[in-house]
Amino acid sequence: MIQPFAGDTCIFITPGYRFRAIDELMTNFHLPKSTLFILVSALMGLERMQAAYAYAIANEYRFYSYGDSSLLLP
């Protein structure tokens, strides 16, 4: 059950993290070596995201905040 929370958190989401509150994520393409890339890799799997990013780079997708977006459904 999701409940309101106030206070500090001390988490860094990496591959292997067990998500409990989301089952999909809409986001843009982040820099391939960023912590945000690690976050999406935790949800989707590192190999899958590396393949998706290789495709995006080969097809000249735009990265950063004003780039192309993706809907991630594990």
Protein backbone atom coordinates (compact mmCIF):
# COMPACT_ATOMS: atom_id res chain seq x y z
CA MET A 1 0.00 0.00 0.00
CA ILE A 2 1.31 3.43 -0.91
CA GLN A 3 1.13 5.99 1.88
CA PRO A 4 2.18 9.65 2.16
CA PHE A 5 5.74 10.22 3.35
CA ALA A 6 7.69 13.25 4.49
CA GLY A 7 11.40 13.20 5.23
CA ASP A 8 14.73 12.26 3.75
CA THR A 9 15.38 9.13 1.73
CA CYS A 10 18.65 7.36 1.22
CA ILE A 11 18.23 5.20 -1.86
CA PHE A 12 20.10 4.84 -5.11
CA ILE A 13 18.15 2.68 -7.55
CA THR A 14 20.38 0.34 -9.54
CA PRO A 15 19.79 -2.88 -11.50
CA GLY A 16 18.51 -5.51 -9.10
CA TYR A 17 16.25 -3.05 -7.24
CA ARG A 18 12.74 -4.44 -6.69
CA PHE A 19 10.17 -1.81 -7.67
CA ARG A 20 7.03 -1.89 -5.53
CA ALA A 21 5.01 1.12 -6.66
CA ILE A 22 5.37 1.45 -10.45
CA ASP A 23 4.97 -0.87 -13.39
CA GLU A 24 5.83 1.50 -16.24
CA LEU A 25 7.79 4.71 -16.80
CA MET A 26 7.61 7.48 -19.38
CA THR A 27 10.86 9.39 -19.69
CA ASN A 28 13.27 10.90 -22.18
CA PHE A 29 16.53 9.36 -23.39
CA HIS A 30 19.15 10.20 -20.76
CA LEU A 31 22.89 10.31 -21.29
CA PRO A 32 24.11 6.71 -21.60
CA LYS A 33 26.56 6.97 -18.67
CA SER A 34 24.28 8.91 -16.30
CA THR A 35 22.63 7.90 -13.05
CA LEU A 36 19.27 8.31 -14.79
CA PHE A 37 20.33 5.63 -17.29
CA ILE A 38 21.03 3.37 -14.29
CA LEU A 39 17.50 4.06 -13.02
CA VAL A 40 15.82 3.00 -16.29
CA SER A 41 18.17 0.00 -16.46
CA ALA A 42 16.97 -1.03 -13.01
CA LEU A 43 13.40 -1.10 -14.31
CA MET A 44 14.02 -2.59 -17.75
CA GLY A 45 17.29 -4.51 -17.43
CA LEU A 46 20.76 -3.32 -18.39
CA GLU A 47 21.12 -5.37 -21.58
CA ARG A 48 17.71 -4.32 -22.88
CA MET A 49 18.47 -0.64 -22.26
CA GLN A 50 21.92 -0.90 -23.84
CA ALA A 51 20.28 -2.38 -26.96
CA ALA A 52 17.59 0.34 -26.97
CA TYR A 53 20.21 3.08 -26.64
CA ALA A 54 22.35 1.55 -29.38
CA TYR A 55 19.29 1.65 -31.65
CA ALA A 56 18.49 5.24 -30.58
CA ILE A 57 22.06 6.38 -31.29
CA ALA A 58 22.19 4.60 -34.66
CA ASN A 59 18.90 6.24 -35.65
CA GLU A 60 19.88 9.70 -34.41
CA TYR A 61 17.34 9.98 -31.60
CA ARG A 62 17.67 13.15 -29.54
CA PHE A 63 18.87 12.87 -25.97
CA TYR A 64 18.66 15.19 -22.92
CA SER A 65 15.64 17.01 -21.53
CA TYR A 66 14.26 18.17 -24.88
CA GLY A 67 14.95 14.95 -26.75
CA ASP A 68 12.84 11.99 -27.75
CA SER A 69 10.85 10.18 -25.12
CA SER A 70 10.23 6.54 -24.37
CA LEU A 71 7.51 4.55 -22.67
CA LEU A 72 9.15 1.73 -20.71
CA LEU A 73 6.97 -1.31 -20.03
CA PRO A 74 8.91 -4.13 -18.35
